[in-house]
Amino acid sequence: MSEIFTKSVNGQVFFVSVDSFLSAFDFREKLEKVIIDLTHAHRWDHSAVDAVDKVVLRYRKRGTEVELIGLNEASATLLERLATHNEPDALDKIGSH
């Protein structure tokens, strides 16, 4: 397990596009680190934040380090306020995601 995977996300992420966002990730592959580049994407609502949480927590549950890069200010603020993936007990709550 020594592979680093970078996934670039483009476009708007909101309740209509969440399924497409989630399907872009293959959680079966053993990876050391996943970098999610959100430079060309914008999160609009709580469902988009939940989708980011799901991706991050699914990878972390498998022992994969996850880094989010390229957040614009509005998206970073939204994630900071609503995201749960950085809470101390986030992995314990994964069943609710």
PDB file of N, CA and C in Angstrom:
ATOM      1  N   MET A   1       0.844  -1.169   0.000  1.00  0.00           N
ATOM      2  CA  MET A   1       0.000   0.000   0.000  1.00  0.00           C
ATOM      3  C   MET A   1       0.895   1.240   0.000  1.00  0.00           C
ATOM      4  N   SER A   2       1.259   1.715  -1.162  1.00  0.00           N
ATOM      5  CA  SER A   2       2.124   2.886  -1.218  1.00  0.00           C
ATOM      6  C   SER A   2       1.706   3.853  -2.317  1.00  0.00           C
ATOM      7  N   GLU A   3       0.530   3.694  -2.795  1.00  0.00           N
ATOM      8  CA  GLU A   3       0.085   4.517  -3.903  1.00  0.00           C
ATOM      9  C   GLU A   3      -0.648   5.762  -3.411  1.00  0.00           C
ATOM     10  N   ILE A   4      -0.390   6.886  -4.086  1.00  0.00           N
ATOM     11  CA  ILE A   4      -1.095   8.127  -3.822  1.00  0.00           C
ATOM     12  C   ILE A   4      -1.973   8.419  -5.032  1.00  0.00           C
ATOM     13  N   PHE A   5      -3.228   8.704  -4.782  1.00  0.00           N
ATOM     14  CA  PHE A   5      -4.210   8.943  -5.828  1.00  0.00           C
ATOM     15  C   PHE A   5      -4.704  10.377  -5.701  1.00  0.00           C
ATOM     16  N   THR A   6      -4.698  11.116  -6.811  1.00  0.00           N
ATOM     17  CA  THR A   6      -5.245  12.470  -6.823  1.00  0.00           C
ATOM     18  C   THR A   6      -6.472  12.488  -7.712  1.00  0.00           C
ATOM     19  N   LYS A   7      -7.567  12.984  -7.169  1.00  0.00           N
ATOM     20  CA  LYS A   7      -8.823  13.094  -7.907  1.00  0.00           C
ATOM     21  C   LYS A   7      -9.199  14.563  -7.995  1.00  0.00           C
ATOM     22  N   SER A   8      -9.294  15.087  -9.219  1.00  0.00           N
ATOM     23  CA  SER A   8      -9.731  16.465  -9.435  1.00  0.00           C
ATOM     24  C   SER A   8     -11.229  16.482  -9.656  1.00  0.00           C
ATOM     25  N   VAL A   9     -11.904  17.350  -8.938  1.00  0.00           N
ATOM     26  CA  VAL A   9     -13.350  17.482  -9.042  1.00  0.00           C
ATOM     27  C   VAL A   9     -13.642  18.803  -9.727  1.00  0.00           C
ATOM     28  N   ASN A  10     -14.499  18.759 -10.740  1.00  0.00           N
ATOM     29  CA  ASN A  10     -14.858  19.957 -11.487  1.00  0.00           C
ATOM     30  C   ASN A  10     -16.356  20.175 -11.436  1.00  0.00           C
ATOM     31  N   GLY A  11     -16.775  21.433 -11.337  1.00  0.00           N
ATOM     32  CA  GLY A  11     -18.188  21.763 -11.412  1.00  0.00           C
ATOM     33  C   GLY A  11     -18.819  22.041 -10.072  1.00  0.00           C
ATOM     34  N   GLN A  12     -20.117  22.043 -10.080  1.00  0.00           N
ATOM     35  CA  GLN A  12     -20.917  22.374  -8.908  1.00  0.00           C
ATOM     36  C   GLN A  12     -21.319  21.083  -8.194  1.00  0.00           C
ATOM     37  N   VAL A  13     -21.114  21.056  -6.877  1.00  0.00           N
ATOM     38  CA  VAL A  13     -21.536  19.893  -6.096  1.00  0.00           C
ATOM     39  C   VAL A  13     -22.672  20.357  -5.182  1.00  0.00           C
ATOM     40  N   PHE A  14     -23.854  19.799  -5.424  1.00  0.00           N
ATOM     41  CA  PHE A  14     -25.032  20.108  -4.621  1.00  0.00           C
ATOM     42  C   PHE A  14     -25.954  18.907  -4.702  1.00  0.00           C
ATOM     43  N   PHE A  15     -27.136  18.985  -4.122  1.00  0.00           N
ATOM     44  CA  PHE A  15     -27.969  17.806  -3.948  1.00  0.00           C
ATOM     45  C   PHE A  15     -28.214  17.021  -5.237  1.00  0.00           C
ATOM     46  N   VAL A  16     -28.258  17.668  -6.373  1.00  0.00           N
ATOM     47  CA  VAL A  16     -28.510  16.979  -7.640  1.00  0.00           C
ATOM     48  C   VAL A  16     -27.287  16.194  -8.119  1.00  0.00           C
ATOM     49  N   SER A  17     -26.092  16.650  -7.811  1.00  0.00           N
ATOM     50  CA  SER A  17     -24.872  16.034  -8.346  1.00  0.00           C
ATOM     51  C   SER A  17     -24.116  15.159  -7.344  1.00  0.00           C
ATOM     52  N   VAL A  18     -24.654  14.966  -6.159  1.00  0.00           N
ATOM     53  CA  VAL A  18     -23.956  14.206  -5.124  1.00  0.00           C
ATOM     54  C   VAL A  18     -23.678  12.771  -5.555  1.00  0.00           C
ATOM     55  N   ASP A  19     -24.632  12.108  -6.180  1.00  0.00           N
ATOM     56  CA  ASP A  19     -24.426  10.718  -6.602  1.00  0.00           C
ATOM     57  C   ASP A  19     -23.272  10.600  -7.595  1.00  0.00           C
ATOM     58  N   SER A  20     -23.176  11.538  -8.514  1.00  0.00           N
ATOM     59  CA  SER A  20     -22.066  11.521  -9.474  1.00  0.00           C
ATOM     60  C   SER A  20     -20.736  11.742  -8.768  1.00  0.00           C
ATOM     61  N   PHE A  21     -20.723  12.637  -7.795  1.00  0.00           N
ATOM     62  CA  PHE A  21     -19.515  12.898  -7.017  1.00  0.00           C
ATOM     63  C   PHE A  21     -19.074  11.625  -6.298  1.00  0.00           C
ATOM     64  N   LEU A  22     -19.992  10.973  -5.607  1.00  0.00           N
ATOM     65  CA  LEU A  22     -19.656   9.768  -4.857  1.00  0.00           C
ATOM     66  C   LEU A  22     -19.202   8.629  -5.762  1.00  0.00           C
ATOM     67  N   SER A  23     -19.823   8.494  -6.914  1.00  0.00           N
ATOM     68  CA  SER A  23     -19.477   7.385  -7.819  1.00  0.00           C
ATOM     69  C   SER A  23     -18.108   7.585  -8.488  1.00  0.00           C
ATOM     70  N   ALA A  24     -17.529   8.754  -8.348  1.00  0.00           N
ATOM     71  CA  ALA A  24     -16.221   9.025  -8.953  1.00  0.00           C
ATOM     72  C   ALA A  24     -15.070   8.390  -8.161  1.00  0.00           C
ATOM     73  N   PHE A  25     -15.373   7.848  -6.988  1.00  0.00           N
ATOM     74  CA  PHE A  25     -14.340   7.282  -6.128  1.00  0.00           C
ATOM     75  C   PHE A  25     -14.491   5.769  -6.021  1.00  0.00           C
ATOM     76  N   ASP A  26     -13.351   5.064  -6.084  1.00  0.00           N
ATOM     77  CA  ASP A  26     -13.323   3.610  -5.947  1.00  0.00           C
ATOM     78  C   ASP A  26     -12.715   3.278  -4.590  1.00  0.00           C
ATOM     79  N   PHE A  27     -13.555   2.905  -3.652  1.00  0.00           N
ATOM     80  CA  PHE A  27     -13.105   2.650  -2.293  1.00  0.00           C
ATOM     81  C   PHE A  27     -12.504   1.267  -2.111  1.00  0.00           C
ATOM     82  N   ARG A  28     -12.544   0.438  -3.139  1.00  0.00           N
ATOM     83  CA  ARG A  28     -12.005  -0.925  -3.029  1.00  0.00           C
ATOM     84  C   ARG A  28     -10.489  -0.960  -3.129  1.00  0.00           C
ATOM     85  N   GLU A  29      -9.911   0.002  -3.810  1.00  0.00           N
ATOM     86  CA  GLU A  29      -8.473   0.014  -4.015  1.00  0.00           C
ATOM     87  C   GLU A  29      -7.746   0.442  -2.738  1.00  0.00           C
ATOM     88  N   LYS A  30      -6.694  -0.284  -2.382  1.00  0.00           N
ATOM     89  CA  LYS A  30      -5.869   0.056  -1.212  1.00  0.00           C
ATOM     90  C   LYS A  30      -4.924   1.184  -1.603  1.00  0.00           C
ATOM     91  N   LEU A  31      -5.072   2.315  -0.953  1.00  0.00           N
ATOM     92  CA  LEU A  31      -4.246   3.483  -1.244  1.00  0.00           C
ATOM     93  C   LEU A  31      -3.655   4.020   0.049  1.00  0.00           C
ATOM     94  N   GLU A  32      -2.465   4.549  -0.049  1.00  0.00           N
ATOM     95  CA  GLU A  32      -1.821   5.174   1.107  1.00  0.00           C
ATOM     96  C   GLU A  32      -2.434   6.547   1.376  1.00  0.00           C
ATOM     97  N   LYS A  33      -2.654   7.298   0.285  1.00  0.00           N
ATOM     98  CA  LYS A  33      -3.159   8.658   0.420  1.00  0.00           C
ATOM     99  C   LYS A  33      -4.023   9.018  -0.778  1.00  0.00           C
ATOM    100  N   VAL A  34      -5.090   9.760  -0.506  1.00  0.00           N
ATOM    101  CA  VAL A  34      -5.952  10.294  -1.552  1.00  0.00           C
ATOM    102  C   VAL A  34      -5.971  11.807  -1.395  1.00  0.00           C
ATOM    103  N   ILE A  35      -5.680  12.496  -2.482  1.00  0.00           N
ATOM    104  CA  ILE A  35      -5.760  13.955  -2.517  1.00  0.00           C
ATOM    105  C   ILE A  35      -6.959  14.313  -3.376  1.00  0.00           C
ATOM    106  N   ILE A  36      -7.885  15.051  -2.803  1.00  0.00           N
ATOM    107  CA  ILE A  36      -9.068  15.479  -3.546  1.00  0.00           C
ATOM    108  C   ILE A  36      -8.898  16.958  -3.846  1.00  0.00           C
ATOM    109  N   ASP A  37      -8.710  17.265  -5.126  1.00  0.00           N
ATOM    110  CA  ASP A  37      -8.471  18.633  -5.576  1.00  0.00           C
ATOM    111  C   ASP A  37      -9.803  19.273  -5.949  1.00  0.00           C
ATOM    112  N   LEU A  38     -10.203  20.242  -5.152  1.00  0.00           N
ATOM    113  CA  LEU A  38     -11.491  20.909  -5.342  1.00  0.00           C
ATOM    114  C   LEU A  38     -11.333  22.321  -5.904  1.00  0.00           C
ATOM    115  N   THR A  39     -10.193  22.566  -6.551  1.00  0.00           N
ATOM    116  CA  THR A  39      -9.907  23.886  -7.109  1.00  0.00           C
ATOM    117  C   THR A  39     -10.986  24.339  -8.084  1.00  0.00           C
ATOM    118  N   HIS A  40     -11.487  23.417  -8.893  1.00  0.00           N
ATOM    119  CA  HIS A  40     -12.459  23.767  -9.937  1.00  0.00           C
ATOM    120  C   HIS A  40     -13.859  23.285  -9.599  1.00  0.00           C
ATOM    121  N   ALA A  41     -14.162  23.219  -8.310  1.00  0.00           N
ATOM    122  CA  ALA A  41     -15.480  22.778  -7.871  1.00  0.00           C
ATOM    123  C   ALA A  41     -15.975  23.703  -6.771  1.00  0.00           C
ATOM    124  N   HIS A  42     -17.276  23.730  -6.612  1.00  0.00           N
ATOM    125  CA  HIS A  42     -17.873  24.534  -5.555  1.00  0.00           C
ATOM    126  C   HIS A  42     -18.957  23.710  -4.880  1.00  0.00           C
ATOM    127  N   ARG A  43     -18.962  23.690  -3.559  1.00  0.00           N
ATOM    128  CA  ARG A  43     -19.988  23.031  -2.795  1.00  0.00           C
ATOM    129  C   ARG A  43     -21.034  24.056  -2.414  1.00  0.00           C
ATOM    130  N   TRP A  44     -22.317  23.684  -2.621  1.00  0.00           N
ATOM    131  CA  TRP A  44     -23.386  24.642  -2.449  1.00  0.00           C
ATOM    132  C   TRP A  44     -24.261  24.404  -1.230  1.00  0.00           C
ATOM    133  N   ASP A  45     -24.362  23.170  -0.767  1.00  0.00           N
ATOM    134  CA  ASP A  45     -25.348  22.912   0.273  1.00  0.00           C
ATOM    135  C   ASP A  45     -24.896  21.789   1.209  1.00  0.00           C
ATOM    136  N   HIS A  46     -25.751  21.490   2.160  1.00  0.00           N
ATOM    137  CA  HIS A  46     -25.429  20.484   3.171  1.00  0.00           C
ATOM    138  C   HIS A  46     -25.208  19.111   2.542  1.00  0.00           C
ATOM    139  N   SER A  47     -25.939  18.775   1.497  1.00  0.00           N
ATOM    140  CA  SER A  47     -25.757  17.467   0.857  1.00  0.00           C
ATOM    141  C   SER A  47     -24.366  17.341   0.234  1.00  0.00           C
ATOM    142  N   ALA A  48     -23.818  18.432  -0.260  1.00  0.00           N
ATOM    143  CA  ALA A  48     -22.459  18.412  -0.804  1.00  0.00           C
ATOM    144  C   ALA A  48     -21.436  18.191   0.308  1.00  0.00           C
ATOM    145  N   VAL A  49     -21.654  18.823   1.452  1.00  0.00           N
ATOM    146  CA  VAL A  49     -20.771  18.625   2.600  1.00  0.00           C
ATOM    147  C   VAL A  49     -20.860  17.178   3.076  1.00  0.00           C
ATOM    148  N   ASP A  50     -22.070  16.635   3.144  1.00  0.00           N
ATOM    149  CA  ASP A  50     -22.248  15.229   3.533  1.00  0.00           C
ATOM    150  C   ASP A  50     -21.503  14.298   2.578  1.00  0.00           C
ATOM    151  N   ALA A  51     -21.529  14.611   1.288  1.00  0.00           N
ATOM    152  CA  ALA A  51     -20.837  13.777   0.302  1.00  0.00           C
ATOM    153  C   ALA A  51     -19.326  13.801   0.537  1.00  0.00           C
ATOM    154  N   VAL A  52     -18.778  14.969   0.825  1.00  0.00           N
ATOM    155  CA  VAL A  52     -17.347  15.071   1.128  1.00  0.00           C
ATOM    156  C   VAL A  52     -17.041  14.273   2.387  1.00  0.00           C
ATOM    157  N   ASP A  53     -17.884  14.409   3.406  1.00  0.00           N
ATOM    158  CA  ASP A  53     -17.705  13.627   4.634  1.00  0.00           C
ATOM    159  C   ASP A  53     -17.682  12.134   4.336  1.00  0.00           C
ATOM    160  N   LYS A  54     -18.623  11.668   3.536  1.00  0.00           N
ATOM    161  CA  LYS A  54     -18.702  10.240   3.206  1.00  0.00           C
ATOM    162  C   LYS A  54     -17.424   9.751   2.547  1.00  0.00           C
ATOM    163  N   VAL A  55     -16.940  10.501   1.580  1.00  0.00           N
ATOM    164  CA  VAL A  55     -15.725  10.097   0.869  1.00  0.00           C
ATOM    165  C   VAL A  55     -14.537  10.059   1.826  1.00  0.00           C
ATOM    166  N   VAL A  56     -14.352  11.133   2.572  1.00  0.00           N
ATOM    167  CA  VAL A  56     -13.214  11.210   3.489  1.00  0.00           C
ATOM    168  C   VAL A  56     -13.284  10.084   4.517  1.00  0.00           C
ATOM    169  N   LEU A  57     -14.440   9.885   5.123  1.00  0.00           N
ATOM    170  CA  LEU A  57     -14.564   8.879   6.174  1.00  0.00           C
ATOM    171  C   LEU A  57     -14.444   7.456   5.646  1.00  0.00           C
ATOM    172  N   ARG A  58     -14.954   7.192   4.465  1.00  0.00           N
ATOM    173  CA  ARG A  58     -14.800   5.839   3.889  1.00  0.00           C
ATOM    174  C   ARG A  58     -13.339   5.510   3.653  1.00  0.00           C
ATOM    175  N   TYR A  59     -12.592   6.465   3.136  1.00  0.00           N
ATOM    176  CA  TYR A  59     -11.161   6.227   2.938  1.00  0.00           C
ATOM    177  C   TYR A  59     -10.435   6.089   4.273  1.00  0.00           C
ATOM    178  N   ARG A  60     -10.727   6.978   5.208  1.00  0.00           N
ATOM    179  CA  ARG A  60     -10.046   6.911   6.507  1.00  0.00           C
ATOM    180  C   ARG A  60     -10.346   5.608   7.237  1.00  0.00           C
ATOM    181  N   LYS A  61     -11.555   5.112   7.100  1.00  0.00           N
ATOM    182  CA  LYS A  61     -11.918   3.838   7.726  1.00  0.00           C
ATOM    183  C   LYS A  61     -11.025   2.708   7.204  1.00  0.00           C
ATOM    184  N   ARG A  62     -10.569   2.835   5.982  1.00  0.00           N
ATOM    185  CA  ARG A  62      -9.696   1.837   5.367  1.00  0.00           C
ATOM    186  C   ARG A  62      -8.214   2.137   5.609  1.00  0.00           C
ATOM    187  N   GLY A  63      -7.931   3.151   6.423  1.00  0.00           N
ATOM    188  CA  GLY A  63      -6.552   3.478   6.754  1.00  0.00           C
ATOM    189  C   GLY A  63      -5.866   4.385   5.757  1.00  0.00           C
ATOM    190  N   THR A  64      -6.631   4.993   4.873  1.00  0.00           N
ATOM    191  CA  THR A  64      -6.085   5.880   3.850  1.00  0.00           C
ATOM    192  C   THR A  64      -6.099   7.323   4.344  1.00  0.00           C
ATOM    193  N   GLU A  65      -4.991   8.006   4.204  1.00  0.00           N
ATOM    194  CA  GLU A  65      -4.922   9.431   4.529  1.00  0.00           C
ATOM    195  C   GLU A  65      -5.626  10.209   3.427  1.00  0.00           C
ATOM    196  N   VAL A  66      -6.394  11.219   3.800  1.00  0.00           N
ATOM    197  CA  VAL A  66      -7.131  12.025   2.826  1.00  0.00           C
ATOM    198  C   VAL A  66      -6.793  13.490   3.038  1.00  0.00           C
ATOM    199  N   GLU A  67      -6.522  14.176   1.929  1.00  0.00           N
ATOM    200  CA  GLU A  67      -6.241  15.608   1.971  1.00  0.00           C
ATOM    201  C   GLU A  67      -7.150  16.316   0.975  1.00  0.00           C
ATOM    202  N   LEU A  68      -7.835  17.352   1.431  1.00  0.00           N
ATOM    203  CA  LEU A  68      -8.652  18.196   0.558  1.00  0.00           C
ATOM    204  C   LEU A  68      -7.836  19.431   0.223  1.00  0.00           C
ATOM    205  N   ILE A  69      -7.698  19.725  -1.067  1.00  0.00           N
ATOM    206  CA  ILE A  69      -6.946  20.907  -1.483  1.00  0.00           C
ATOM    207  C   ILE A  69      -7.790  21.749  -2.429  1.00  0.00           C
ATOM    208  N   GLY A  70      -7.426  23.017  -2.570  1.00  0.00           N
ATOM    209  CA  GLY A  70      -8.039  23.884  -3.562  1.00  0.00           C
ATOM    210  C   GLY A  70      -9.415  24.405  -3.220  1.00  0.00           C
ATOM    211  N   LEU A  71      -9.786  24.383  -1.957  1.00  0.00           N
ATOM    212  CA  LEU A  71     -11.109  24.894  -1.579  1.00  0.00           C
ATOM    213  C   LEU A  71     -11.182  26.402  -1.751  1.00  0.00           C
ATOM    214  N   ASN A  72     -12.234  26.884  -2.406  1.00  0.00           N
ATOM    215  CA  ASN A  72     -12.427  28.327  -2.436  1.00  0.00           C
ATOM    216  C   ASN A  72     -12.945  28.769  -1.065  1.00  0.00           C
ATOM    217  N   GLU A  73     -12.939  30.047  -0.802  1.00  0.00           N
ATOM    218  CA  GLU A  73     -13.281  30.555   0.525  1.00  0.00           C
ATOM    219  C   GLU A  73     -14.688  30.154   0.973  1.00  0.00           C
ATOM    220  N   ALA A  74     -15.657  30.276   0.090  1.00  0.00           N
ATOM    221  CA  ALA A  74     -17.034  29.943   0.453  1.00  0.00           C
ATOM    222  C   ALA A  74     -17.182  28.452   0.768  1.00  0.00           C
ATOM    223  N   SER A  75     -16.557  27.610  -0.033  1.00  0.00           N
ATOM    224  CA  SER A  75     -16.631  26.169   0.204  1.00  0.00           C
ATOM    225  C   SER A  75     -15.904  25.779   1.483  1.00  0.00           C
ATOM    226  N   ALA A  76     -14.765  26.404   1.728  1.00  0.00           N
ATOM    227  CA  ALA A  76     -14.012  26.124   2.950  1.00  0.00           C
ATOM    228  C   ALA A  76     -14.827  26.503   4.180  1.00  0.00           C
ATOM    229  N   THR A  77     -15.503  27.625   4.115  1.00  0.00           N
ATOM    230  CA  THR A  77     -16.344  28.070   5.227  1.00  0.00           C
ATOM    231  C   THR A  77     -17.498  27.105   5.451  1.00  0.00           C
ATOM    232  N   LEU A  78     -18.132  26.669   4.371  1.00  0.00           N
ATOM    233  CA  LEU A  78     -19.243  25.719   4.472  1.00  0.00           C
ATOM    234  C   LEU A  78     -18.774  24.410   5.105  1.00  0.00           C
ATOM    235  N   LEU A  79     -17.635  23.906   4.646  1.00  0.00           N
ATOM    236  CA  LEU A  79     -17.106  22.663   5.216  1.00  0.00           C
ATOM    237  C   LEU A  79     -16.727  22.850   6.680  1.00  0.00           C
ATOM    238  N   GLU A  80     -16.129  23.972   7.001  1.00  0.00           N
ATOM    239  CA  GLU A  80     -15.725  24.236   8.378  1.00  0.00           C
ATOM    240  C   GLU A  80     -16.927  24.240   9.314  1.00  0.00           C
ATOM    241  N   ARG A  81     -18.032  24.798   8.854  1.00  0.00           N
ATOM    242  CA  ARG A  81     -19.237  24.895   9.695  1.00  0.00           C
ATOM    243  C   ARG A  81     -19.994  23.581   9.790  1.00  0.00           C
ATOM    244  N   LEU A  82     -20.060  22.806   8.695  1.00  0.00           N
ATOM    245  CA  LEU A  82     -20.977  21.668   8.646  1.00  0.00           C
ATOM    246  C   LEU A  82     -20.328  20.289   8.598  1.00  0.00           C
ATOM    247  N   ALA A  83     -19.106  20.197   8.146  1.00  0.00           N
ATOM    248  CA  ALA A  83     -18.471  18.884   7.963  1.00  0.00           C
ATOM    249  C   ALA A  83     -18.184  18.220   9.306  1.00  0.00           C
ATOM    250  N   THR A  84     -18.227  16.894   9.302  1.00  0.00           N
ATOM    251  CA  THR A  84     -17.951  16.125  10.517  1.00  0.00           C
ATOM    252  C   THR A  84     -16.692  15.275  10.403  1.00  0.00           C
ATOM    253  N   HIS A  85     -16.083  15.193   9.221  1.00  0.00           N
ATOM    254  CA  HIS A  85     -14.969  14.264   9.029  1.00  0.00           C
ATOM    255  C   HIS A  85     -13.731  14.591   9.860  1.00  0.00           C
ATOM    256  N   ASN A  86     -13.607  15.803  10.375  1.00  0.00           N
ATOM    257  CA  ASN A  86     -12.459  16.152  11.207  1.00  0.00           C
ATOM    258  C   ASN A  86     -12.765  16.161  12.701  1.00  0.00           C
ATOM    259  N   GLU A  87     -13.974  15.773  13.071  1.00  0.00           N
ATOM    260  CA  GLU A  87     -14.307  15.681  14.488  1.00  0.00           C
ATOM    261  C   GLU A  87     -13.592  14.477  15.088  1.00  0.00           C
ATOM    262  N   PRO A  88     -13.213  14.559  16.359  1.00  0.00           N
ATOM    263  CA  PRO A  88     -12.444  13.472  16.980  1.00  0.00           C
ATOM    264  C   PRO A  88     -13.097  12.100  16.894  1.00  0.00           C
ATOM    265  N   ASP A  89     -14.421  12.024  16.971  1.00  0.00           N
ATOM    266  CA  ASP A  89     -15.110  10.730  16.943  1.00  0.00           C
ATOM    267  C   ASP A  89     -15.790  10.457  15.595  1.00  0.00           C
ATOM    268  N   ALA A  90     -15.313  11.087  14.557  1.00  0.00           N
ATOM    269  CA  ALA A  90     -15.959  10.972  13.235  1.00  0.00           C
ATOM    270  C   ALA A  90     -16.031   9.530  12.740  1.00  0.00           C
ATOM    271  N   LEU A  91     -14.969   8.775  12.897  1.00  0.00           N
ATOM    272  CA  LEU A  91     -14.982   7.384  12.426  1.00  0.00           C
ATOM    273  C   LEU A  91     -15.975   6.533  13.204  1.00  0.00           C
ATOM    274  N   ASP A  92     -16.212   6.870  14.462  1.00  0.00           N
ATOM    275  CA  ASP A  92     -17.195   6.131  15.258  1.00  0.00           C
ATOM    276  C   ASP A  92     -18.608   6.369  14.741  1.00  0.00           C
ATOM    277  N   LYS A  93     -18.832   7.507  14.117  1.00  0.00           N
ATOM    278  CA  LYS A  93     -20.159   7.879  13.624  1.00  0.00           C
ATOM    279  C   LYS A  93     -20.376   7.489  12.157  1.00  0.00           C
ATOM    280  N   ILE A  94     -19.442   6.789  11.570  1.00  0.00           N
ATOM    281  CA  ILE A  94     -19.533   6.511  10.126  1.00  0.00           C
ATOM    282  C   ILE A  94     -20.807   5.776   9.746  1.00  0.00           C
ATOM    283  N   GLY A  95     -21.373   5.021  10.629  1.00  0.00           N
ATOM    284  CA  GLY A  95     -22.618   4.324  10.329  1.00  0.00           C
ATOM    285  C   GLY A  95     -23.766   5.259  10.040  1.00  0.00           C
ATOM    286  N   SER A  96     -23.701   6.489  10.553  1.00  0.00           N
ATOM    287  CA  SER A  96     -24.772   7.447  10.303  1.00  0.00           C
ATOM    288  C   SER A  96     -24.591   8.203   9.006  1.00  0.00           C
ATOM    289  N   HIS A  97     -23.493   7.948   8.275  1.00  0.00           N
ATOM    290  CA  HIS A  97     -23.244   8.624   7.000  1.00  0.00           C
ATOM    291  C   HIS A  97     -23.576   7.733   5.859  1.00  0.00           C
TER     292      HIS A  97
END
